[in-house]
Protein backbone atom coordinates (compact mmCIF):
# COMPACT_ATOMS: atom_id res chain seq x y z
CA MET A 1 176.93 61.43 90.52
CA ASN A 2 177.75 64.79 88.92
CA LYS A 3 174.75 65.91 86.73
CA THR A 4 176.99 66.53 83.66
CA LYS A 5 178.18 62.83 83.89
CA VAL A 6 174.54 61.72 84.20
CA TRP A 7 173.66 63.66 80.94
CA ILE A 8 176.72 62.17 79.13
CA SER A 9 175.76 58.71 80.46
CA SER A 10 172.16 59.22 79.18
CA MET A 11 173.60 59.75 75.67
CA ARG A 12 174.93 56.17 75.85
CA LEU A 13 178.19 56.83 74.12
CA ARG A 14 178.91 53.05 73.71
CA THR A 15 176.08 52.94 71.18
CA LEU A 16 177.43 55.73 68.91
CA PRO A 17 180.20 53.81 67.01
CA LEU A 18 177.61 51.23 65.93
CA SER A 19 175.17 53.94 64.69
CA ILE A 20 177.72 55.38 62.24
CA SER A 21 179.11 52.12 60.95
CA GLY A 22 176.72 52.16 58.06
CA ILE A 23 177.75 55.68 57.08
CA ILE A 24 181.51 54.73 57.28
CA LEU A 25 180.91 51.73 55.06
CA ALA A 26 178.88 53.91 52.64
CA SER A 27 181.73 56.46 52.57
CA PHE A 28 184.39 53.80 51.65
CA LEU A 29 182.11 52.50 48.89
CA ALA A 30 181.57 56.02 47.58
CA ALA A 31 185.39 56.44 47.54
CA TYR A 32 185.75 53.19 45.66
CA GLN A 33 183.23 54.46 43.09
CA GLY A 34 184.94 57.88 42.92
CA VAL A 35 182.09 59.91 44.34
CA PHE A 36 183.26 60.60 47.89
CA ASN A 37 182.92 64.03 49.44
CA TRP A 38 184.28 64.93 52.85
CA GLY A 39 181.67 67.61 53.60
CA ILE A 40 178.83 65.15 53.01
CA CYS A 41 180.70 62.46 55.04
CA VAL A 42 181.15 64.72 58.07
CA LEU A 43 177.54 66.07 58.01
CA ALA A 44 176.04 62.54 57.49
CA ILE A 45 178.01 61.21 60.51
CA LEU A 46 177.01 64.20 62.67
CA SER A 47 173.35 63.79 61.63
CA THR A 48 173.43 60.08 62.37
CA LEU A 49 174.98 60.71 65.81
CA SER A 50 172.26 63.23 66.56
CA PHE A 51 169.61 60.72 65.64
CA GLN A 52 171.18 58.04 67.80
CA ILE A 53 171.55 60.40 70.78
CA LEU A 54 167.89 61.47 70.31
CA SER A 55 166.90 57.78 70.32
CA ASN A 56 168.86 57.14 73.49
CA LEU A 57 167.40 60.15 75.37
CA ALA A 58 163.88 59.12 74.21
CA ASN A 59 164.62 55.50 75.33
CA ASP A 60 165.69 56.77 78.76
CA TYR A 61 162.51 58.85 78.96
CA GLY A 62 160.08 56.18 77.69
CA ASP A 63 161.47 53.40 79.83
CA GLY A 64 161.87 55.67 82.78
CA VAL A 65 158.32 56.98 82.97
CA LYS A 66 156.92 53.47 82.31
CA GLY A 67 159.03 52.03 85.08
CA THR A 68 160.79 49.53 82.71
CA ASP A 69 164.16 50.83 84.03
CA ASN A 70 164.07 49.56 87.56
CA ASP A 71 166.16 47.60 90.06
CA ASP A 72 165.42 44.32 88.23
CA ARG A 73 167.08 45.58 85.05
CA ILE A 74 170.57 44.40 84.20
CA GLY A 75 173.09 47.01 82.86
CA PRO A 76 174.03 50.63 83.55
CA GLU A 77 171.55 52.74 85.61
CA ARG A 78 169.65 55.21 83.49
CA ALA A 79 169.22 58.87 84.07
CA ILE A 80 165.56 59.02 85.02
CA GLN A 81 165.82 55.73 86.86
CA SER A 82 168.64 57.25 89.06
CA GLY A 83 166.44 60.31 89.94
CA GLU A 84 169.25 62.64 88.95
CA ILE A 85 167.29 63.90 85.93
CA SER A 86 163.54 64.48 85.96
CA PRO A 87 161.21 63.41 83.14
CA LYS A 88 160.51 67.13 82.51
CA GLU A 89 164.25 67.87 82.07
CA MET A 90 164.62 64.79 79.82
CA LYS A 91 161.67 66.00 77.75
CA ARG A 92 163.38 69.38 77.18
CA ALA A 93 166.58 67.70 76.18
CA ILE A 94 164.63 65.59 73.65
CA LYS A 95 163.11 68.70 72.08
CA LEU A 96 166.50 70.38 71.80
CA ASN A 97 167.90 67.26 70.23
CA VAL A 98 165.05 67.16 67.75
CA PHE A 99 165.91 70.70 66.66
CA ILE A 100 169.64 69.83 66.29
CA SER A 101 168.80 66.69 64.29
CA ILE A 102 166.59 68.68 61.96
CA VAL A 103 169.23 71.30 61.35
CA LEU A 104 172.01 68.75 60.68
CA ALA A 105 169.75 66.75 58.50
CA LEU A 106 168.80 69.68 56.32
CA LEU A 107 172.42 70.82 56.08
CA THR A 108 173.39 67.32 54.93
CA ILE A 109 170.67 67.21 52.33
CA TYR A 110 171.58 70.68 51.01
CA VAL A 111 175.26 69.91 50.75
CA ALA A 112 174.62 66.59 49.08
CA PHE A 113 171.91 67.71 46.56
CA GLY A 114 171.90 71.50 46.52
CA ARG A 115 168.90 72.88 44.56
CA SER A 116 169.15 70.61 41.50
CA ASN A 117 167.87 67.34 43.01
CA PHE A 118 164.33 68.15 44.27
CA LEU A 119 163.04 64.60 44.34
CA LEU A 120 166.06 63.22 46.21
CA SER A 121 165.97 66.15 48.60
CA THR A 122 162.24 65.60 49.33
CA PHE A 123 162.81 61.84 49.85
CA PHE A 124 165.63 62.44 52.22
CA ILE A 125 163.74 65.08 54.14
CA ALA A 126 160.90 62.46 54.50
CA LEU A 127 163.56 59.91 55.61
CA GLY A 128 164.97 62.35 58.16
CA ILE A 129 161.51 62.93 59.64
CA ALA A 130 160.90 59.19 59.70
CA ALA A 131 164.19 58.70 61.49
CA ILE A 132 163.22 61.28 64.14
CA ILE A 133 159.78 59.75 64.68
CA ALA A 134 161.27 56.23 64.92
CA ALA A 135 163.82 57.40 67.39
CA ILE A 136 161.24 58.80 69.71
CA LYS A 137 158.47 56.22 69.30
CA TYR A 138 160.78 53.27 70.08
CA THR A 139 159.68 53.53 73.80
CA VAL A 140 157.70 56.72 74.08
CA GLY A 141 153.82 56.63 73.96
CA GLY A 142 151.21 54.05 74.43
CA ASN A 143 151.86 52.34 71.10
CA ALA A 144 155.72 52.39 71.28
CA TYR A 145 156.96 49.88 68.74
CA GLY A 146 159.77 48.73 71.08
CA TYR A 147 157.11 47.37 73.41
CA ASN A 148 155.40 45.42 70.60
CA ALA A 149 158.30 43.36 69.27
CA MET A 150 158.98 45.67 66.34
CA GLY A 151 162.25 47.03 67.35
CA ASP A 152 164.29 44.43 65.32
CA ILE A 153 162.65 45.50 62.07
CA PHE A 154 163.36 49.17 62.64
CA VAL A 155 166.93 48.58 63.61
CA PHE A 156 167.51 46.51 60.44
CA LEU A 157 165.91 49.24 58.31
CA PHE A 158 167.62 52.19 59.81
CA PHE A 159 171.04 50.93 60.87
CA GLY A 160 171.33 48.79 57.82
CA LEU A 161 169.43 49.77 54.62
CA ALA A 162 168.87 53.40 55.35
CA SER A 163 172.31 54.03 56.72
CA VAL A 164 174.40 52.22 54.07
CA ILE A 165 172.18 52.60 50.94
CA GLY A 166 170.92 56.02 51.96
CA GLY A 167 174.39 57.15 52.94
CA TYR A 168 175.76 56.00 49.51
CA VAL A 169 173.00 57.86 47.68
CA LEU A 170 174.02 61.14 49.41
CA PHE A 171 177.37 60.78 47.57
CA ALA A 172 176.37 59.21 44.30
CA LYS A 173 172.83 60.55 43.79
CA SER A 174 171.88 57.00 42.72
CA ILE A 175 171.70 53.54 44.08
CA ASP A 176 174.43 50.88 43.12
CA PHE A 177 174.03 47.17 43.75
CA ILE A 178 177.44 47.24 45.45
CA VAL A 179 175.89 48.72 48.63
CA VAL A 180 172.97 46.29 48.96
CA LEU A 181 174.80 43.26 50.42
CA PRO A 182 176.91 45.37 52.84
CA ALA A 183 173.80 47.12 53.95
CA ILE A 184 172.05 43.87 54.70
CA SER A 185 175.17 42.51 56.64
CA VAL A 186 175.31 45.68 58.87
CA GLY A 187 171.61 45.64 59.42
CA LEU A 188 171.69 41.92 60.50
CA LEU A 189 174.48 42.55 63.04
CA SER A 190 172.95 45.70 64.31
CA THR A 191 169.67 43.71 64.90
CA ALA A 192 171.79 41.07 66.69
CA VAL A 193 173.02 43.75 69.06
CA LEU A 194 169.46 44.72 69.89
CA ASN A 195 168.42 41.03 70.24
CA LEU A 196 171.35 40.54 72.64
CA ASN A 197 170.24 43.54 74.72
CA ASN A 198 166.72 42.20 74.76
CA MET A 199 167.91 38.62 75.72
CA ARG A 200 169.74 40.23 78.62
CA ASP A 201 166.49 41.96 79.72
CA ILE A 202 163.96 39.19 79.28
CA GLU A 203 163.17 38.89 82.92
CA SER A 204 162.89 42.57 83.70
CA ASP A 205 160.96 43.12 80.46
CA THR A 206 158.48 40.43 81.43
CA LYS A 207 157.71 42.15 84.72
CA SER A 208 157.35 45.53 83.13
CA ASN A 209 155.26 44.22 80.14
CA LYS A 210 157.74 45.29 77.52
CA ILE A 211 157.19 42.83 74.76
CA THR A 212 160.36 42.36 72.71
CA LEU A 213 160.95 39.72 69.96
CA ALA A 214 163.38 37.97 72.29
CA LEU A 215 160.73 37.76 75.01
CA LYS A 216 158.15 36.45 72.51
CA LEU A 217 160.54 33.80 71.31
CA GLY A 218 161.80 32.81 74.77
CA ALA A 219 165.47 32.38 75.82
CA LYS A 220 166.26 29.27 73.85
CA LYS A 221 164.66 30.39 70.53
CA ALA A 222 166.08 33.96 70.97
CA LYS A 223 169.61 32.32 70.97
CA THR A 224 168.75 30.45 67.81
CA TYR A 225 167.52 33.71 66.17
CA HIS A 226 170.74 35.36 67.35
CA ASN A 227 172.82 32.70 65.62
CA ILE A 228 170.83 33.10 62.46
CA LEU A 229 171.39 36.85 62.41
CA ILE A 230 175.04 36.65 62.79
CA ILE A 231 175.74 33.63 60.55
CA SER A 232 173.57 35.22 57.82
CA ALA A 233 175.57 38.46 58.11
CA ILE A 234 178.76 36.44 57.66
CA VAL A 235 177.43 34.51 54.64
CA ILE A 236 176.20 37.66 52.98
CA SER A 237 179.47 39.52 53.54
CA VAL A 238 181.33 36.68 51.95
CA LEU A 239 178.90 36.75 48.95
CA PHE A 240 179.71 40.46 48.68
CA GLY A 241 183.40 39.64 48.66
CA LEU A 242 183.00 37.09 45.88
CA LEU A 243 180.76 39.18 43.68
CA PHE A 244 182.97 42.32 43.82
CA TYR A 245 186.26 40.58 43.90
CA LYS A 246 189.32 42.43 42.75
CA SER A 247 192.08 40.98 44.79
CA VAL A 248 192.72 38.94 47.96
CA TYR A 249 192.63 42.20 49.95
CA ASN A 250 188.87 42.32 49.44
CA PHE A 251 188.50 39.59 51.97
CA ILE A 252 190.44 41.38 54.75
CA PHE A 253 187.03 41.68 56.50
CA ILE A 254 187.18 37.99 57.43
CA ILE A 255 189.28 39.18 60.37
CA ALA A 256 186.15 40.28 61.95
CA PHE A 257 184.71 36.71 61.75
CA VAL A 258 187.06 35.62 64.58
CA PRO A 259 185.40 37.71 67.34
CA LEU A 260 182.02 36.97 65.87
CA PHE A 261 182.45 33.24 66.20
CA VAL A 262 183.93 33.67 69.73
CA HIS A 263 180.91 35.78 70.56
CA LEU A 264 178.46 33.11 69.28
CA LYS A 265 180.27 30.48 71.33
CA LYS A 266 179.94 32.66 74.51
CA VAL A 267 176.26 33.39 73.82
CA ASN A 268 175.39 29.80 73.31
CA GLN A 269 177.17 28.68 76.49
CA THR A 270 175.77 31.46 78.63
CA LYS A 271 172.88 30.66 80.96
CA ASN A 272 173.01 33.75 83.16
CA PRO A 273 171.44 36.78 81.34
CA GLN A 274 173.85 39.04 83.22
CA HIS A 275 176.78 37.68 81.24
CA PHE A 276 175.29 38.97 77.99
CA ASP A 277 175.94 42.57 79.05
CA PRO A 278 179.73 42.59 78.31
CA GLU A 279 179.09 40.95 74.96
CA LEU A 280 177.00 43.98 73.81
CA LYS A 281 180.10 46.21 73.48
CA LYS A 282 182.10 43.39 71.75
CA LEU A 283 179.45 42.70 69.22
CA ALA A 284 178.89 46.42 68.47
CA LEU A 285 182.53 47.14 68.03
CA THR A 286 182.98 44.01 65.85
CA THR A 287 180.19 45.25 63.65
CA VAL A 288 181.95 48.54 63.22
CA LEU A 289 185.23 46.72 62.44
CA LEU A 290 183.50 44.53 59.84
CA ALA A 291 181.99 47.71 58.24
CA ILE A 292 185.43 49.42 58.10
CA LEU A 293 187.24 46.32 56.73
CA MET A 294 184.59 45.73 54.10
CA GLY A 295 185.11 49.28 52.84
CA VAL A 296 188.89 49.26 53.10
CA GLY A 297 189.07 45.93 51.33
CA GLN A 298 187.49 47.49 48.29
CA LEU A 299 189.94 50.34 48.13
CA LEU A 300 193.15 48.21 48.56
């Protein structure tokens, strides 16, 4: 494979739409509240993409050097696993991406808050540092939290609460209850994407001693957990629609429930972990669709 293609593959482009779903939703809600700003929106999206790419590169490095990415693993072959990119090269790419992430995050914070919101600027600088550390420590190091069944919590916090609520604060300079329920919904569905990935990899993770929540629960209970995550996200999004009802258009997001229920049926009937892999993209894109429709519904 061409090395450029390997690098592009290592960025895991199919994960990027999900990573910005929270920022997109926050942007729509900011527009609904009359505080939207295109400069902040673009920079927030670029910052989020850089964090996600950093996480993907670090994940490739961490799983690669630990041998977790091996022939037993289901899914696309990873960069270090393929031998096309060395751990040393990946480490350099991670360092470069850390620099890019810091620059983009600082630009976003400056455009959002300028010099007049010292406390918010300080908080978001700390949040940015935490995001960079979390992106790296998911699989890198002896105490990587992705190997200790903590990945679900971090995905919920960063893809849900930090992305939607934090994204909204960049625009509004304050927190509004209107963003809380959408943040929880996106966080739950994002966690479901991770859980589905971990259900797919239970066998290979067991052999490589990567302890995920799905592995700890076992295949049957992991499916139950998956159902709880998605049904909870659906219920909370409906509650959001009821609490902030303006017109029937607010509920346009129920369109996204159709692929979610189809997905649940497929997962509950699946016995071969390999069949979970195609569902990853479907669930991620449905999460993006729900986020967009929840935001659009408020503007219509």
